[in-house]
């Protein structure tokens, strides 16, 4: 089974800078995220994942740390967005 994403990126910013993140993804505004499938490798505690999902991205977050469990159980369900971890 293969997966295809509209946008893929890696990296974890300790302090999120969302305008910079959007530029790194080749986007000018958060509205461009709606309906796009996005993979973040190394999502850490998921600030970028939550931000992008709030703006309509269908997120997949990958991380090897235990932080991903907290995001799955606490942060992500709260915003009622589509995604996988």
PDB file of N, CA and C in Angstrom:
ATOM      1  N   UNK A   1       0.847  -1.172   0.000  1.00  0.00           N
ATOM      2  CA  UNK A   1       0.000   0.000   0.000  1.00  0.00           C
ATOM      3  C   UNK A   1       0.895   1.238   0.000  1.00  0.00           C
ATOM      4  N   UNK A   2       0.691   2.132  -0.922  1.00  0.00           N
ATOM      5  CA  UNK A   2       1.484   3.346  -0.995  1.00  0.00           C
ATOM      6  C   UNK A   2       0.717   4.554  -0.507  1.00  0.00           C
ATOM      7  N   UNK A   3       1.445   5.541  -0.103  1.00  0.00           N
ATOM      8  CA  UNK A   3       0.833   6.779   0.370  1.00  0.00           C
ATOM      9  C   UNK A   3       1.315   7.922  -0.502  1.00  0.00           C
ATOM     10  N   UNK A   4       0.451   8.852  -0.755  1.00  0.00           N
ATOM     11  CA  UNK A   4       0.802  10.027  -1.536  1.00  0.00           C
ATOM     12  C   UNK A   4       0.361  11.264  -0.772  1.00  0.00           C
ATOM     13  N   UNK A   5       1.245  12.229  -0.664  1.00  0.00           N
ATOM     14  CA  UNK A   5       0.954  13.464   0.058  1.00  0.00           C
ATOM     15  C   UNK A   5       1.141  14.652  -0.876  1.00  0.00           C
ATOM     16  N   UNK A   6       0.290  15.652  -0.721  1.00  0.00           N
ATOM     17  CA  UNK A   6       0.445  16.888  -1.484  1.00  0.00           C
ATOM     18  C   UNK A   6       1.692  17.636  -1.022  1.00  0.00           C
ATOM     19  N   UNK A   7       1.948  17.603   0.289  1.00  0.00           N
ATOM     20  CA  UNK A   7       3.073  18.327   0.881  1.00  0.00           C
ATOM     21  C   UNK A   7       3.762  17.408   1.879  1.00  0.00           C
ATOM     22  N   UNK A   8       5.099  17.374   1.853  1.00  0.00           N
ATOM     23  CA  UNK A   8       5.883  16.632   2.830  1.00  0.00           C
ATOM     24  C   UNK A   8       6.970  17.550   3.350  1.00  0.00           C
ATOM     25  N   UNK A   9       7.196  17.523   4.657  1.00  0.00           N
ATOM     26  CA  UNK A   9       8.295  18.303   5.202  1.00  0.00           C
ATOM     27  C   UNK A   9       8.782  17.667   6.480  1.00  0.00           C
ATOM     28  N   UNK A  10       9.984  18.036   6.867  1.00  0.00           N
ATOM     29  CA  UNK A  10      10.543  17.546   8.115  1.00  0.00           C
ATOM     30  C   UNK A  10      11.099  18.715   8.896  1.00  0.00           C
ATOM     31  N   UNK A  11      11.242  18.468  10.154  1.00  0.00           N
ATOM     32  CA  UNK A  11      11.827  19.508  10.979  1.00  0.00           C
ATOM     33  C   UNK A  11      10.905  19.909  12.094  1.00  0.00           C
ATOM     34  N   UNK A  12      11.525  20.324  13.128  1.00  0.00           N
ATOM     35  CA  UNK A  12      10.824  20.721  14.333  1.00  0.00           C
ATOM     36  C   UNK A  12      11.372  22.069  14.757  1.00  0.00           C
ATOM     37  N   UNK A  13      10.499  23.025  14.858  1.00  0.00           N
ATOM     38  CA  UNK A  13      10.886  24.363  15.298  1.00  0.00           C
ATOM     39  C   UNK A  13      10.478  24.501  16.761  1.00  0.00           C
ATOM     40  N   UNK A  14      11.413  24.785  17.676  1.00  0.00           N
ATOM     41  CA  UNK A  14      11.029  24.914  19.081  1.00  0.00           C
ATOM     42  C   UNK A  14      10.019  26.041  19.322  1.00  0.00           C
ATOM     43  N   UNK A  15      10.099  27.091  18.534  1.00  0.00           N
ATOM     44  CA  UNK A  15       9.128  28.178  18.608  1.00  0.00           C
ATOM     45  C   UNK A  15       8.506  28.320  17.230  1.00  0.00           C
ATOM     46  N   UNK A  16       7.236  27.969  17.100  1.00  0.00           N
ATOM     47  CA  UNK A  16       6.618  28.005  15.773  1.00  0.00           C
ATOM     48  C   UNK A  16       6.581  29.404  15.164  1.00  0.00           C
ATOM     49  N   UNK A  17       6.879  29.466  13.895  1.00  0.00           N
ATOM     50  CA  UNK A  17       6.780  30.694  13.119  1.00  0.00           C
ATOM     51  C   UNK A  17       5.935  30.325  11.903  1.00  0.00           C
ATOM     52  N   UNK A  18       4.621  30.494  12.036  1.00  0.00           N
ATOM     53  CA  UNK A  18       3.714  29.990  11.011  1.00  0.00           C
ATOM     54  C   UNK A  18       3.854  30.676   9.655  1.00  0.00           C
ATOM     55  N   UNK A  19       4.069  31.989   9.576  1.00  0.00           N
ATOM     56  CA  UNK A  19       4.310  32.576   8.248  1.00  0.00           C
ATOM     57  C   UNK A  19       5.538  31.958   7.557  1.00  0.00           C
ATOM     58  N   UNK A  20       6.602  31.719   8.324  1.00  0.00           N
ATOM     59  CA  UNK A  20       7.800  31.083   7.767  1.00  0.00           C
ATOM     60  C   UNK A  20       7.495  29.647   7.346  1.00  0.00           C
ATOM     61  N   UNK A  21       6.747  28.928   8.161  1.00  0.00           N
ATOM     62  CA  UNK A  21       6.367  27.558   7.814  1.00  0.00           C
ATOM     63  C   UNK A  21       5.594  27.536   6.500  1.00  0.00           C
ATOM     64  N   UNK A  22       4.624  28.409   6.354  1.00  0.00           N
ATOM     65  CA  UNK A  22       3.850  28.451   5.106  1.00  0.00           C
ATOM     66  C   UNK A  22       4.753  28.715   3.912  1.00  0.00           C
ATOM     67  N   UNK A  23       5.702  29.639   4.054  1.00  0.00           N
ATOM     68  CA  UNK A  23       6.639  29.917   2.950  1.00  0.00           C
ATOM     69  C   UNK A  23       7.482  28.684   2.629  1.00  0.00           C
ATOM     70  N   UNK A  24       7.946  27.970   3.675  1.00  0.00           N
ATOM     71  CA  UNK A  24       8.726  26.744   3.457  1.00  0.00           C
ATOM     72  C   UNK A  24       7.921  25.707   2.693  1.00  0.00           C
ATOM     73  N   UNK A  25       6.605  25.720   2.881  1.00  0.00           N
ATOM     74  CA  UNK A  25       5.740  24.757   2.201  1.00  0.00           C
ATOM     75  C   UNK A  25       5.299  25.249   0.829  1.00  0.00           C
ATOM     76  N   UNK A  26       5.744  26.443   0.444  1.00  0.00           N
ATOM     77  CA  UNK A  26       5.393  26.985  -0.863  1.00  0.00           C
ATOM     78  C   UNK A  26       3.998  27.581  -0.923  1.00  0.00           C
ATOM     79  N   UNK A  27       3.484  27.993   0.231  1.00  0.00           N
ATOM     80  CA  UNK A  27       2.134  28.543   0.310  1.00  0.00           C
ATOM     81  C   UNK A  27       2.182  30.001   0.728  1.00  0.00           C
ATOM     82  N   UNK A  28       1.192  30.760   0.302  1.00  0.00           N
ATOM     83  CA  UNK A  28       1.126  32.169   0.682  1.00  0.00           C
ATOM     84  C   UNK A  28       0.160  32.419   1.832  1.00  0.00           C
ATOM     85  N   UNK A  29      -0.866  31.560   1.966  1.00  0.00           N
ATOM     86  CA  UNK A  29      -1.836  31.769   3.037  1.00  0.00           C
ATOM     87  C   UNK A  29      -2.327  30.428   3.568  1.00  0.00           C
ATOM     88  N   UNK A  30      -2.810  30.406   4.801  1.00  0.00           N
ATOM     89  CA  UNK A  30      -3.310  29.158   5.377  1.00  0.00           C
ATOM     90  C   UNK A  30      -4.501  28.579   4.612  1.00  0.00           C
ATOM     91  N   UNK A  31      -5.249  29.418   3.918  1.00  0.00           N
ATOM     92  CA  UNK A  31      -6.413  28.942   3.170  1.00  0.00           C
ATOM     93  C   UNK A  31      -6.022  27.928   2.089  1.00  0.00           C
ATOM     94  N   UNK A  32      -4.786  27.981   1.622  1.00  0.00           N
ATOM     95  CA  UNK A  32      -4.315  27.057   0.587  1.00  0.00           C
ATOM     96  C   UNK A  32      -4.152  25.627   1.111  1.00  0.00           C
ATOM     97  N   UNK A  33      -4.226  25.443   2.425  1.00  0.00           N
ATOM     98  CA  UNK A  33      -4.057  24.119   3.021  1.00  0.00           C
ATOM     99  C   UNK A  33      -5.306  23.258   2.924  1.00  0.00           C
ATOM    100  N   UNK A  34      -6.453  23.874   2.770  1.00  0.00           N
ATOM    101  CA  UNK A  34      -7.732  23.158   2.825  1.00  0.00           C
ATOM    102  C   UNK A  34      -7.752  21.972   1.859  1.00  0.00           C
ATOM    103  N   UNK A  35      -7.946  20.777   2.445  1.00  0.00           N
ATOM    104  CA  UNK A  35      -8.051  19.554   1.655  1.00  0.00           C
ATOM    105  C   UNK A  35      -6.747  18.929   1.225  1.00  0.00           C
ATOM    106  N   UNK A  36      -5.610  19.572   1.505  1.00  0.00           N
ATOM    107  CA  UNK A  36      -4.311  19.014   1.112  1.00  0.00           C
ATOM    108  C   UNK A  36      -3.871  17.971   2.142  1.00  0.00           C
ATOM    109  N   UNK A  37      -3.302  16.881   1.669  1.00  0.00           N
ATOM    110  CA  UNK A  37      -2.747  15.885   2.587  1.00  0.00           C
ATOM    111  C   UNK A  37      -1.293  16.261   2.850  1.00  0.00           C
ATOM    112  N   UNK A  38      -0.943  16.335   4.132  1.00  0.00           N
ATOM    113  CA  UNK A  38       0.372  16.826   4.533  1.00  0.00           C
ATOM    114  C   UNK A  38       1.024  15.821   5.477  1.00  0.00           C
ATOM    115  N   UNK A  39       2.294  15.523   5.238  1.00  0.00           N
ATOM    116  CA  UNK A  39       3.096  14.660   6.092  1.00  0.00           C
ATOM    117  C   UNK A  39       4.161  15.503   6.762  1.00  0.00           C
ATOM    118  N   UNK A  40       4.197  15.460   8.098  1.00  0.00           N
ATOM    119  CA  UNK A  40       5.296  16.087   8.828  1.00  0.00           C
ATOM    120  C   UNK A  40       6.089  14.994   9.518  1.00  0.00           C
ATOM    121  N   UNK A  41       7.352  14.867   9.156  1.00  0.00           N
ATOM    122  CA  UNK A  41       8.253  13.897   9.763  1.00  0.00           C
ATOM    123  C   UNK A  41       9.004  14.611  10.877  1.00  0.00           C
ATOM    124  N   UNK A  42       8.924  14.059  12.082  1.00  0.00           N
ATOM    125  CA  UNK A  42       9.553  14.689  13.237  1.00  0.00           C
ATOM    126  C   UNK A  42       8.658  15.768  13.815  1.00  0.00           C
ATOM    127  N   UNK A  43       7.388  15.430  14.025  1.00  0.00           N
ATOM    128  CA  UNK A  43       6.421  16.455  14.427  1.00  0.00           C
ATOM    129  C   UNK A  43       6.490  16.816  15.901  1.00  0.00           C
ATOM    130  N   UNK A  44       7.264  16.072  16.712  1.00  0.00           N
ATOM    131  CA  UNK A  44       7.405  16.421  18.125  1.00  0.00           C
ATOM    132  C   UNK A  44       6.068  16.497  18.824  1.00  0.00           C
ATOM    133  N   UNK A  45       5.835  17.590  19.507  1.00  0.00           N
ATOM    134  CA  UNK A  45       4.583  17.736  20.254  1.00  0.00           C
ATOM    135  C   UNK A  45       3.438  18.220  19.386  1.00  0.00           C
ATOM    136  N   UNK A  46       3.682  18.456  18.121  1.00  0.00           N
ATOM    137  CA  UNK A  46       2.612  18.652  17.167  1.00  0.00           C
ATOM    138  C   UNK A  46       2.052  20.041  16.971  1.00  0.00           C
ATOM    139  N   UNK A  47       2.781  21.076  17.340  1.00  0.00           N
ATOM    140  CA  UNK A  47       2.253  22.428  17.143  1.00  0.00           C
ATOM    141  C   UNK A  47       1.973  22.712  15.667  1.00  0.00           C
ATOM    142  N   UNK A  48       2.892  22.308  14.800  1.00  0.00           N
ATOM    143  CA  UNK A  48       2.664  22.514  13.364  1.00  0.00           C
ATOM    144  C   UNK A  48       1.496  21.670  12.868  1.00  0.00           C
ATOM    145  N   UNK A  49       1.415  20.435  13.337  1.00  0.00           N
ATOM    146  CA  UNK A  49       0.342  19.535  12.928  1.00  0.00           C
ATOM    147  C   UNK A  49      -1.012  20.147  13.263  1.00  0.00           C
ATOM    148  N   UNK A  50      -1.150  20.623  14.482  1.00  0.00           N
ATOM    149  CA  UNK A  50      -2.421  21.203  14.925  1.00  0.00           C
ATOM    150  C   UNK A  50      -2.733  22.470  14.131  1.00  0.00           C
ATOM    151  N   UNK A  51      -1.741  23.336  13.944  1.00  0.00           N
ATOM    152  CA  UNK A  51      -1.951  24.573  13.183  1.00  0.00           C
ATOM    153  C   UNK A  51      -2.429  24.268  11.762  1.00  0.00           C
ATOM    154  N   UNK A  52      -1.726  23.357  11.079  1.00  0.00           N
ATOM    155  CA  UNK A  52      -2.073  23.038   9.695  1.00  0.00           C
ATOM    156  C   UNK A  52      -3.443  22.367   9.614  1.00  0.00           C
ATOM    157  N   UNK A  53      -3.749  21.491  10.562  1.00  0.00           N
ATOM    158  CA  UNK A  53      -5.050  20.815  10.578  1.00  0.00           C
ATOM    159  C   UNK A  53      -6.190  21.799  10.837  1.00  0.00           C
ATOM    160  N   UNK A  54      -5.950  22.767  11.698  1.00  0.00           N
ATOM    161  CA  UNK A  54      -6.977  23.777  11.970  1.00  0.00           C
ATOM    162  C   UNK A  54      -7.345  24.548  10.708  1.00  0.00           C
ATOM    163  N   UNK A  55      -6.422  24.605   9.764  1.00  0.00           N
ATOM    164  CA  UNK A  55      -6.658  25.329   8.521  1.00  0.00           C
ATOM    165  C   UNK A  55      -7.056  24.397   7.378  1.00  0.00           C
ATOM    166  N   UNK A  56      -7.465  23.177   7.726  1.00  0.00           N
ATOM    167  CA  UNK A  56      -8.055  22.301   6.727  1.00  0.00           C
ATOM    168  C   UNK A  56      -7.163  21.246   6.117  1.00  0.00           C
ATOM    169  N   UNK A  57      -5.895  21.184   6.526  1.00  0.00           N
ATOM    170  CA  UNK A  57      -5.006  20.140   5.996  1.00  0.00           C
ATOM    171  C   UNK A  57      -5.380  18.794   6.609  1.00  0.00           C
ATOM    172  N   UNK A  58      -5.234  17.743   5.837  1.00  0.00           N
ATOM    173  CA  UNK A  58      -5.406  16.381   6.338  1.00  0.00           C
ATOM    174  C   UNK A  58      -4.012  15.906   6.712  1.00  0.00           C
ATOM    175  N   UNK A  59      -3.733  15.874   8.008  1.00  0.00           N
ATOM    176  CA  UNK A  59      -2.373  15.709   8.501  1.00  0.00           C
ATOM    177  C   UNK A  59      -2.007  14.266   8.814  1.00  0.00           C
ATOM    178  N   UNK A  60      -0.735  13.954   8.565  1.00  0.00           N
ATOM    179  CA  UNK A  60      -0.099  12.745   9.066  1.00  0.00           C
ATOM    180  C   UNK A  60       1.165  13.204   9.759  1.00  0.00           C
ATOM    181  N   UNK A  61       1.288  12.877  11.033  1.00  0.00           N
ATOM    182  CA  UNK A  61       2.465  13.261  11.808  1.00  0.00           C
ATOM    183  C   UNK A  61       3.240  12.031  12.231  1.00  0.00           C
ATOM    184  N   UNK A  62       4.553  12.061  12.042  1.00  0.00           N
ATOM    185  CA  UNK A  62       5.428  10.964  12.444  1.00  0.00           C
ATOM    186  C   UNK A  62       6.459  11.481  13.432  1.00  0.00           C
ATOM    187  N   UNK A  63       6.648  10.737  14.508  1.00  0.00           N
ATOM    188  CA  UNK A  63       7.688  11.079  15.471  1.00  0.00           C
ATOM    189  C   UNK A  63       8.000   9.834  16.278  1.00  0.00           C
ATOM    190  N   UNK A  64       9.259   9.681  16.661  1.00  0.00           N
ATOM    191  CA  UNK A  64       9.667   8.510  17.431  1.00  0.00           C
ATOM    192  C   UNK A  64       9.571   8.729  18.934  1.00  0.00           C
ATOM    193  N   UNK A  65       9.310   9.941  19.367  1.00  0.00           N
ATOM    194  CA  UNK A  65       9.267  10.218  20.796  1.00  0.00           C
ATOM    195  C   UNK A  65       7.899   9.899  21.388  1.00  0.00           C
ATOM    196  N   UNK A  66       7.822   9.912  22.696  1.00  0.00           N
ATOM    197  CA  UNK A  66       6.559   9.673  23.404  1.00  0.00           C
ATOM    198  C   UNK A  66       5.604  10.849  23.262  1.00  0.00           C
ATOM    199  N   UNK A  67       6.098  12.002  22.809  1.00  0.00           N
ATOM    200  CA  UNK A  67       5.245  13.182  22.660  1.00  0.00           C
ATOM    201  C   UNK A  67       4.084  12.911  21.712  1.00  0.00           C
ATOM    202  N   UNK A  68       4.291  12.044  20.756  1.00  0.00           N
ATOM    203  CA  UNK A  68       3.256  11.757  19.771  1.00  0.00           C
ATOM    204  C   UNK A  68       2.030  11.136  20.437  1.00  0.00           C
ATOM    205  N   UNK A  69       2.238  10.340  21.487  1.00  0.00           N
ATOM    206  CA  UNK A  69       1.112   9.736  22.192  1.00  0.00           C
ATOM    207  C   UNK A  69       0.245  10.802  22.853  1.00  0.00           C
ATOM    208  N   UNK A  70       0.890  11.803  23.438  1.00  0.00           N
ATOM    209  CA  UNK A  70       0.142  12.892  24.067  1.00  0.00           C
ATOM    210  C   UNK A  70      -0.649  13.671  23.014  1.00  0.00           C
ATOM    211  N   UNK A  71      -0.070  13.911  21.884  1.00  0.00           N
ATOM    212  CA  UNK A  71      -0.761  14.627  20.811  1.00  0.00           C
ATOM    213  C   UNK A  71      -1.978  13.837  20.343  1.00  0.00           C
ATOM    214  N   UNK A  72      -1.804  12.543  20.168  1.00  0.00           N
ATOM    215  CA  UNK A  72      -2.895  11.682  19.719  1.00  0.00           C
ATOM    216  C   UNK A  72      -4.059  11.694  20.698  1.00  0.00           C
ATOM    217  N   UNK A  73      -3.740  11.629  21.987  1.00  0.00           N
ATOM    218  CA  UNK A  73      -4.770  11.446  22.995  1.00  0.00           C
ATOM    219  C   UNK A  73      -5.382  12.748  23.488  1.00  0.00           C
ATOM    220  N   UNK A  74      -4.614  13.828  23.470  1.00  0.00           N
ATOM    221  CA  UNK A  74      -5.095  15.065  24.086  1.00  0.00           C
ATOM    222  C   UNK A  74      -5.303  16.183  23.068  1.00  0.00           C
ATOM    223  N   UNK A  75      -4.258  16.593  22.378  1.00  0.00           N
ATOM    224  CA  UNK A  75      -4.315  17.788  21.547  1.00  0.00           C
ATOM    225  C   UNK A  75      -5.104  17.652  20.265  1.00  0.00           C
ATOM    226  N   UNK A  76      -4.916  16.567  19.556  1.00  0.00           N
ATOM    227  CA  UNK A  76      -5.505  16.470  18.225  1.00  0.00           C
ATOM    228  C   UNK A  76      -7.011  16.259  18.247  1.00  0.00           C
ATOM    229  N   UNK A  77      -7.544  15.373  19.087  1.00  0.00           N
ATOM    230  CA  UNK A  77      -9.002  15.202  19.101  1.00  0.00           C
ATOM    231  C   UNK A  77      -9.748  16.481  19.461  1.00  0.00           C
ATOM    232  N   UNK A  78      -9.120  17.343  20.214  1.00  0.00           N
ATOM    233  CA  UNK A  78      -9.764  18.574  20.658  1.00  0.00           C
ATOM    234  C   UNK A  78     -10.125  19.480  19.486  1.00  0.00           C
ATOM    235  N   UNK A  79      -9.341  19.457  18.409  1.00  0.00           N
ATOM    236  CA  UNK A  79      -9.647  20.355  17.281  1.00  0.00           C
ATOM    237  C   UNK A  79     -10.534  19.690  16.231  1.00  0.00           C
ATOM    238  N   UNK A  80     -10.865  18.421  16.422  1.00  0.00           N
ATOM    239  CA  UNK A  80     -11.775  17.690  15.552  1.00  0.00           C
ATOM    240  C   UNK A  80     -11.353  17.787  14.081  1.00  0.00           C
ATOM    241  N   UNK A  81     -10.125  17.397  13.805  1.00  0.00           N
ATOM    242  CA  UNK A  81      -9.597  17.459  12.443  1.00  0.00           C
ATOM    243  C   UNK A  81      -9.281  16.049  11.951  1.00  0.00           C
ATOM    244  N   UNK A  82      -9.080  15.928  10.635  1.00  0.00           N
ATOM    245  CA  UNK A  82      -8.704  14.653  10.043  1.00  0.00           C
ATOM    246  C   UNK A  82      -7.192  14.487  10.126  1.00  0.00           C
ATOM    247  N   UNK A  83      -6.747  13.278  10.455  1.00  0.00           N
ATOM    248  CA  UNK A  83      -5.318  13.044  10.489  1.00  0.00           C
ATOM    249  C   UNK A  83      -4.984  11.672  11.029  1.00  0.00           C
ATOM    250  N   UNK A  84      -3.688  11.344  11.025  1.00  0.00           N
ATOM    251  CA  UNK A  84      -3.217  10.044  11.497  1.00  0.00           C
ATOM    252  C   UNK A  84      -1.848  10.213  12.135  1.00  0.00           C
ATOM    253  N   UNK A  85      -1.575   9.318  13.087  1.00  0.00           N
ATOM    254  CA  UNK A  85      -0.272   9.306  13.765  1.00  0.00           C
ATOM    255  C   UNK A  85       0.209   7.885  13.904  1.00  0.00           C
TER     256      UNK A  85
END
